Protein backbone atom coordinates (compact mmCIF):
# COMPACT_ATOMS: atom_id res chain seq x y z
CA MET A 1 124.66 174.58 42.60
CA ILE A 2 125.36 174.22 39.05
CA CYS A 3 126.62 171.15 37.71
CA ILE A 4 127.78 170.73 34.00
CA GLU A 5 127.22 167.25 32.45
CA SER A 6 129.06 166.97 29.01
CA ASP A 7 129.07 163.07 28.65
CA GLU A 8 127.47 163.16 25.27
CA GLU A 9 129.96 165.30 23.84
CA SER A 10 133.20 164.19 25.53
CA GLY A 11 131.91 160.35 25.18
CA SER A 12 132.57 159.62 28.93
CA GLN A 13 130.33 158.58 31.79
CA ASP A 14 131.44 160.64 34.63
CA PHE A 15 128.43 162.28 35.84
CA PRO A 16 127.26 159.57 38.17
CA TYR A 17 130.23 159.28 39.67
CA TYR A 18 130.51 163.56 40.50
CA LEU A 19 126.95 163.24 41.56
CA ALA A 20 128.11 160.39 44.10
CA GLU A 21 131.29 162.19 45.14
CA PHE A 22 129.41 165.57 46.30
CA SER A 23 126.32 163.80 47.50
CA ALA A 24 127.08 165.72 50.80
CA THR A 25 127.37 169.08 49.18
CA ILE A 26 124.48 168.79 46.77
CA GLY A 27 122.07 167.65 49.91
CA ASN A 28 118.53 167.34 49.17
CA PRO A 29 117.59 170.16 46.75
CA ASP A 30 113.99 172.03 46.84
CA LEU A 31 114.37 172.48 43.35
CA LEU A 32 116.23 171.15 40.14
CA PHE A 33 116.59 172.98 36.46
CA PHE A 34 117.21 170.65 33.61
CA LEU A 35 118.21 173.13 31.07
CA ASP A 36 119.09 170.93 27.85
CA SER A 37 115.50 170.35 26.14
CA GLY A 38 113.71 172.46 23.38
CA ALA A 39 110.87 174.79 23.07
CA GLY A 40 108.04 174.83 20.57
CA THR A 41 108.23 178.79 19.74
CA TYR A 42 109.85 181.61 21.22
CA ASP A 43 107.30 183.48 22.51
CA ARG A 44 106.42 182.04 25.72
CA LEU A 45 108.04 179.57 28.49
CA TRP A 46 108.04 176.04 27.50
CA LEU A 47 107.94 173.26 30.10
CA THR A 48 109.26 169.97 29.12
CA VAL A 49 106.62 166.95 30.78
CA SER A 50 108.18 163.77 29.02
CA LEU A 51 111.14 162.48 27.21
CA ARG A 52 110.96 159.11 25.28
CA GLY A 53 113.49 156.22 26.02
CA ILE A 54 116.00 154.41 23.90
CA VAL A 55 117.44 151.00 22.56
CA ASN A 56 120.04 151.13 19.98
CA ALA A 57 120.67 147.88 18.26
CA THR A 58 122.75 146.43 15.76
CA LEU A 59 120.71 143.25 13.79
CA SER A 60 122.79 141.12 11.41
CA ALA A 61 121.81 138.55 9.21
CA SER A 62 124.05 135.88 7.63
CA VAL A 63 123.50 133.46 5.25
CA LEU A 64 126.95 132.43 3.14
CA LYS A 65 130.72 132.00 3.97
CA ALA A 66 131.42 134.09 1.19
CA GLY A 67 129.60 136.10 -1.11
CA VAL A 68 128.29 134.43 -4.67
CA HIS A 69 126.91 135.37 -7.91
CA SER A 70 123.41 136.69 -7.39
CA GLY A 71 122.47 135.03 -10.87
CA ALA A 72 123.45 131.69 -9.60
CA ALA A 73 121.85 132.03 -6.21
CA SER A 74 119.28 134.13 -6.18
CA GLY A 75 115.83 132.07 -5.31
CA ILE A 76 118.32 129.11 -3.95
CA VAL A 77 119.87 131.23 -1.26
CA PRO A 78 117.52 133.64 0.88
CA ASP A 79 118.84 137.00 0.78
CA PRO A 80 120.31 138.22 4.09
CA VAL A 81 118.34 141.90 3.23
CA ARG A 82 114.91 139.74 2.77
CA ILE A 83 115.70 138.26 6.18
CA LEU A 84 116.31 141.46 7.56
CA ARG A 85 113.12 142.57 6.04
CA MET A 86 110.93 139.72 7.64
CA LEU A 87 112.84 140.17 10.63
CA LEU A 88 111.90 144.00 10.96
CA GLY A 89 108.45 143.20 9.87
CA ARG A 90 107.77 141.19 13.40
CA LEU A 91 108.79 144.47 14.92
CA GLU A 92 107.39 147.34 12.61
CA ASP A 93 104.01 147.44 10.32
CA THR A 94 105.59 148.33 7.11
CA GLY A 95 102.55 150.27 6.39
CA THR A 96 102.08 152.72 9.45
CA GLY A 97 105.15 152.65 11.17
CA ARG A 98 103.29 151.09 14.38
CA ILE A 99 105.10 149.25 16.57
CA LEU A 100 103.35 145.62 16.60
CA PRO A 101 104.61 143.87 20.08
CA ALA A 102 102.44 144.71 22.75
CA ALA A 103 105.05 144.56 25.23
CA LEU A 104 106.92 147.91 23.52
CA ASN A 105 103.87 149.76 24.27
CA VAL A 106 102.00 151.41 26.93
CA GLU A 107 98.51 153.00 27.80
CA ILE A 108 99.11 156.86 27.38
CA PRO A 109 97.94 158.71 30.42
CA LYS A 110 95.02 160.61 30.27
CA ASP A 111 96.47 164.31 31.09
CA ARG A 112 99.64 163.39 28.77
CA GLU A 113 97.13 163.09 25.92
CA GLU A 114 94.76 166.39 27.06
CA GLU A 115 98.08 168.32 27.03
CA ALA A 116 99.12 166.40 23.62
CA LYS A 117 96.10 167.61 21.95
CA LYS A 118 96.35 171.16 23.25
CA THR A 119 99.99 171.62 22.27
CA ALA A 120 99.24 169.57 18.60
CA GLU A 121 96.49 172.53 18.12
CA PHE A 122 99.16 175.30 19.32
CA LEU A 123 101.68 174.23 17.07
CA GLY A 124 99.92 172.82 14.02
CA ILE A 125 101.41 171.98 11.02
CA ALA A 126 104.85 172.64 12.24
CA ILE A 127 104.81 169.71 14.08
CA PHE A 128 106.05 168.56 10.56
CA GLU A 129 107.18 171.60 8.73
CA GLU A 130 109.96 171.83 11.16
CA PHE A 131 111.93 169.59 9.74
CA PRO A 132 113.39 169.95 6.57
CA VAL A 133 111.39 167.77 4.48
CA LEU A 134 110.71 167.91 0.52
CA PRO A 135 108.01 169.19 -1.69
CA GLY A 136 105.12 166.85 -1.90
CA LEU A 137 106.00 164.87 1.23
CA LYS A 138 103.22 163.99 3.80
CA PRO A 139 103.36 163.29 7.27
CA VAL A 140 102.42 159.99 8.78
CA THR A 141 98.84 160.90 9.40
CA ALA A 142 97.17 164.32 8.95
CA ASP A 143 95.75 163.95 12.80
CA LEU A 144 97.91 166.11 14.39
CA THR A 145 97.40 165.12 17.66
CA GLN A 146 98.18 161.50 16.69
CA LEU A 147 101.17 162.92 14.79
CA TYR A 148 102.11 164.50 18.04
CA LEU A 149 101.49 161.63 20.02
CA ASN A 150 103.57 159.52 17.67
CA GLY A 151 106.80 161.45 18.07
CA SER A 152 106.70 161.81 21.82
CA TRP A 153 104.40 158.41 23.47
CA ARG A 154 104.56 156.04 20.85
CA PRO A 155 107.65 153.44 20.15
CA GLN A 156 109.09 154.40 16.71
CA LEU A 157 111.65 152.46 14.56
CA THR A 158 114.21 154.40 12.57
CA VAL A 159 117.15 152.11 10.61
CA VAL A 160 120.36 154.98 10.98
CA GLY A 161 123.07 152.75 9.70
CA GLN A 162 124.10 149.57 7.81
CA ASP A 163 126.66 147.30 7.00
CA GLY A 164 127.50 144.59 4.47
CA LEU A 165 126.37 146.44 1.46
CA PRO A 166 128.60 147.82 -1.10
CA ALA A 167 128.01 151.84 -2.21
CA THR A 168 125.68 151.52 -5.35
CA ALA A 169 128.31 152.92 -7.65
CA ILE A 170 130.50 149.81 -7.19
CA ALA A 171 128.12 147.28 -6.44
CA GLY A 172 128.30 143.93 -8.35
CA ASN A 173 125.93 141.06 -9.02
CA VAL A 174 126.90 139.74 -6.01
CA LEU A 175 124.64 138.17 -3.05
CA GLN A 176 126.45 139.23 0.34
CA PRO A 177 127.10 136.73 3.05
CA SER A 178 125.92 139.07 5.81
CA VAL A 179 124.00 142.38 5.90
CA ALA A 180 123.98 144.48 9.14
CA LEU A 181 121.45 147.33 10.38
CA LYS A 182 121.87 149.92 13.10
CA LEU A 183 118.63 150.31 14.90
CA SER A 184 117.24 153.05 16.78
CA LEU A 185 114.11 152.39 18.71
CA ARG A 186 112.45 155.24 20.54
CA LEU A 187 110.56 153.74 23.59
CA PRO A 188 107.68 155.52 25.37
CA PRO A 189 108.40 157.40 28.67
CA THR A 190 107.13 155.20 31.06
CA LEU A 191 108.27 151.63 29.59
CA LYS A 192 111.79 150.30 31.64
CA ALA A 193 114.63 149.95 28.88
CA GLU A 194 115.28 146.56 30.29
CA THR A 195 111.85 145.58 29.51
CA ALA A 196 112.09 146.69 25.74
CA LYS A 197 115.37 144.87 25.38
CA ALA A 198 114.60 141.80 26.28
CA ALA A 199 111.17 142.54 24.13
CA VAL A 200 113.22 143.37 20.90
CA THR A 201 115.85 140.32 20.90
CA HIS A 202 113.07 137.82 21.50
CA VAL A 203 110.95 139.02 18.82
CA LEU A 204 113.94 139.53 16.28
CA THR A 205 116.07 136.54 17.23
CA HIS A 206 113.79 133.70 17.83
CA GLU A 207 112.85 131.40 14.99
CA PRO A 208 115.71 132.59 12.48
CA PRO A 209 114.17 132.92 8.77
CA TYR A 210 115.64 129.95 6.84
CA GLY A 211 117.75 128.62 9.68
CA SER A 212 119.89 131.83 9.00
CA THR A 213 122.34 133.35 11.79
CA ILE A 214 121.25 136.10 13.13
CA GLU A 215 123.00 138.21 15.87
CA LEU A 216 121.34 141.01 17.78
CA LYS A 217 123.72 143.31 19.69
CA VAL A 218 122.13 146.27 22.01
CA ASP A 219 124.44 149.19 21.74
CA ALA A 220 122.49 151.29 24.39
CA ALA A 221 119.76 151.43 26.33
CA ALA A 222 117.96 153.90 28.44
CA ASP A 223 114.80 155.01 30.34
CA GLY A 224 112.39 157.76 29.29
CA TRP A 225 111.33 160.14 31.56
CA ASN A 226 107.16 161.44 32.74
CA ALA A 227 107.58 164.26 34.78
CA ALA A 228 105.53 163.99 38.41
CA PRO A 229 102.75 166.42 39.17
CA SER A 230 104.32 170.16 40.24
CA PRO A 231 103.46 171.96 43.76
CA ALA A 232 101.07 174.32 43.63
CA TRP A 233 104.03 177.01 44.26
CA LEU A 234 105.90 176.00 41.02
CA ASP A 235 102.75 176.14 39.13
CA LYS A 236 101.87 179.30 39.83
CA ALA A 237 105.30 180.83 39.27
CA LEU A 238 105.82 179.16 36.32
CA ALA A 239 102.58 180.98 35.35
CA THR A 240 103.49 184.07 36.38
CA SER A 241 106.99 184.36 35.03
CA SER A 242 105.57 183.13 31.52
CA GLN A 243 103.41 186.09 31.18
CA THR A 244 105.83 188.57 32.92
CA ARG A 245 108.80 187.54 30.74
CA PHE A 246 106.96 186.90 27.40
CA GLY A 247 103.57 188.21 27.62
CA ASN A 248 102.22 184.61 26.91
CA PRO A 249 100.77 181.59 29.08
CA VAL A 250 102.89 178.59 29.93
CA GLN A 251 103.12 175.65 27.35
CA THR A 252 104.05 172.19 27.96
CA LEU A 253 106.23 170.13 25.49
CA GLN A 254 106.41 166.34 25.38
CA GLU A 255 109.61 165.35 23.62
CA GLY A 256 110.47 162.54 21.33
CA VAL A 257 114.27 162.84 22.12
CA SER A 258 116.08 160.80 25.20
CA ILE A 259 118.05 162.43 27.83
CA GLY A 260 119.47 159.54 29.90
CA VAL A 261 121.11 161.72 32.69
CA LEU A 262 117.58 163.17 33.20
CA LYS A 263 115.85 159.69 34.67
CA LEU A 264 119.45 160.08 36.66
CA LEU A 265 118.87 162.79 38.55
CA ALA A 266 114.82 162.15 38.91
CA ASP A 267 115.76 158.84 40.57
CA LYS A 268 118.51 160.25 42.81
CA TYR A 269 116.22 163.58 43.51
CA SER A 270 112.76 161.87 43.84
CA LYS A 271 111.09 164.12 45.96
CA ALA A 272 112.58 167.44 44.38
CA PRO A 273 110.59 169.03 41.90
CA PHE A 274 111.83 169.49 38.16
CA VAL A 275 112.06 172.02 35.51
CA VAL A 276 112.89 170.96 32.30
CA THR A 277 113.08 173.24 29.32
CA GLY A 278 115.67 174.62 27.18
CA VAL A 279 116.66 177.02 23.77
CA LEU A 280 116.44 174.39 21.42
CA GLY A 281 113.39 176.02 19.38
CA PRO A 282 112.71 176.01 15.89
CA GLN A 283 115.34 176.08 13.25
CA SER A 284 117.90 175.84 16.03
CA ASN A 285 119.34 172.46 14.45
CA ALA A 286 120.61 170.89 17.40
CA HIS A 287 123.80 168.92 17.05
CA GLY A 288 123.93 170.09 13.13
CA PRO A 289 126.71 172.12 11.77
CA ASN A 290 124.48 175.47 11.59
CA GLU A 291 123.34 174.78 15.26
CA SER A 292 122.17 178.12 16.67
CA LEU A 293 120.34 180.16 19.31
CA ASP A 294 117.57 182.87 19.43
CA LEU A 295 119.27 185.14 21.70
CA PRO A 296 116.21 187.28 22.72
CA PHE A 297 114.75 183.94 23.93
CA VAL A 298 117.91 183.26 25.60
CA LYS A 299 117.51 186.22 27.51
CA LYS A 300 113.96 185.74 28.80
CA LEU A 301 114.34 182.47 29.44
CA THR A 302 116.66 183.18 31.64
CA ALA A 303 114.96 185.64 33.65
CA SER A 304 112.13 183.11 34.08
CA ILE A 305 114.80 180.79 35.59
CA ALA A 306 115.87 183.76 38.13
CA ASP A 307 112.33 184.06 39.04
CA LEU A 308 111.91 180.41 39.53
CA VAL A 309 114.76 180.32 42.03
CA ARG A 310 113.39 183.53 43.90
CA ALA A 311 109.68 181.44 43.99
CA ALA A 312 111.74 178.73 45.46
CA ALA A 313 113.43 180.75 48.07
CA ASP A 314 110.56 182.28 49.22
CA ASN A 315 108.28 178.87 49.27
CA GLY A 316 111.30 177.45 51.39
């Protein structure tokens, strides 16, 4: 059976309904394929083994009923931007990007550390250079294994939007009454999103600086995913197919993105092994206006999926 989930594209949440509605028809699968992940290169079969979770939230700081002249108020009324900086300093080490609260960090499993080291050695500086970085920009760390783990197993914060500040071209000397930031906090694969949500809420809202009005609205939260060990027959089939179709061994990939529906499927069909892979390789620019596919890779990957379906049938 093939299920096509387009909740992300449509903005709806219909997939859980159809999984329940057709539960009897689907039954208990022997093998599940999830084809919405990526590939580190186009020369081999890539198996995704973990994904990060996410908490999206809007954090606002309010200090005034109306904007006032910055020359008159600065140094007397605390700037809401500075208050937000203070709050984010509770969450993130500005110098390193490390997320500070212990509740938001996990111990990385030893097997994932070993896999990360091998993948980092294989990909090299492409871990960084796959992005359209400006000349002269340096990665967060020169240690490629740690760089890879930063993007796959460690929590990381990105500010993705703001309200309350005018565009620079029209900004006057006004201390704004309220400023809000949209935060995207990526979570370790094994950290529960509800646990993270509670921790973030406490860290950012307790004891507001200067008695300011702080609001945190969690817009979305989703668990990550860490793959269970594959059965021996599947490991053998993966290795054989990658050599047959690509001429190279299979490689694991630990992704930094979040795919909420995968956790839904993993919870619902907990006894079935998963094959998580995809076609989003270098320069595919997922979600961008020039998103593209490497067609020779797609053909080989399709053949590999067929190999694995046959292996599952033979094993059954």
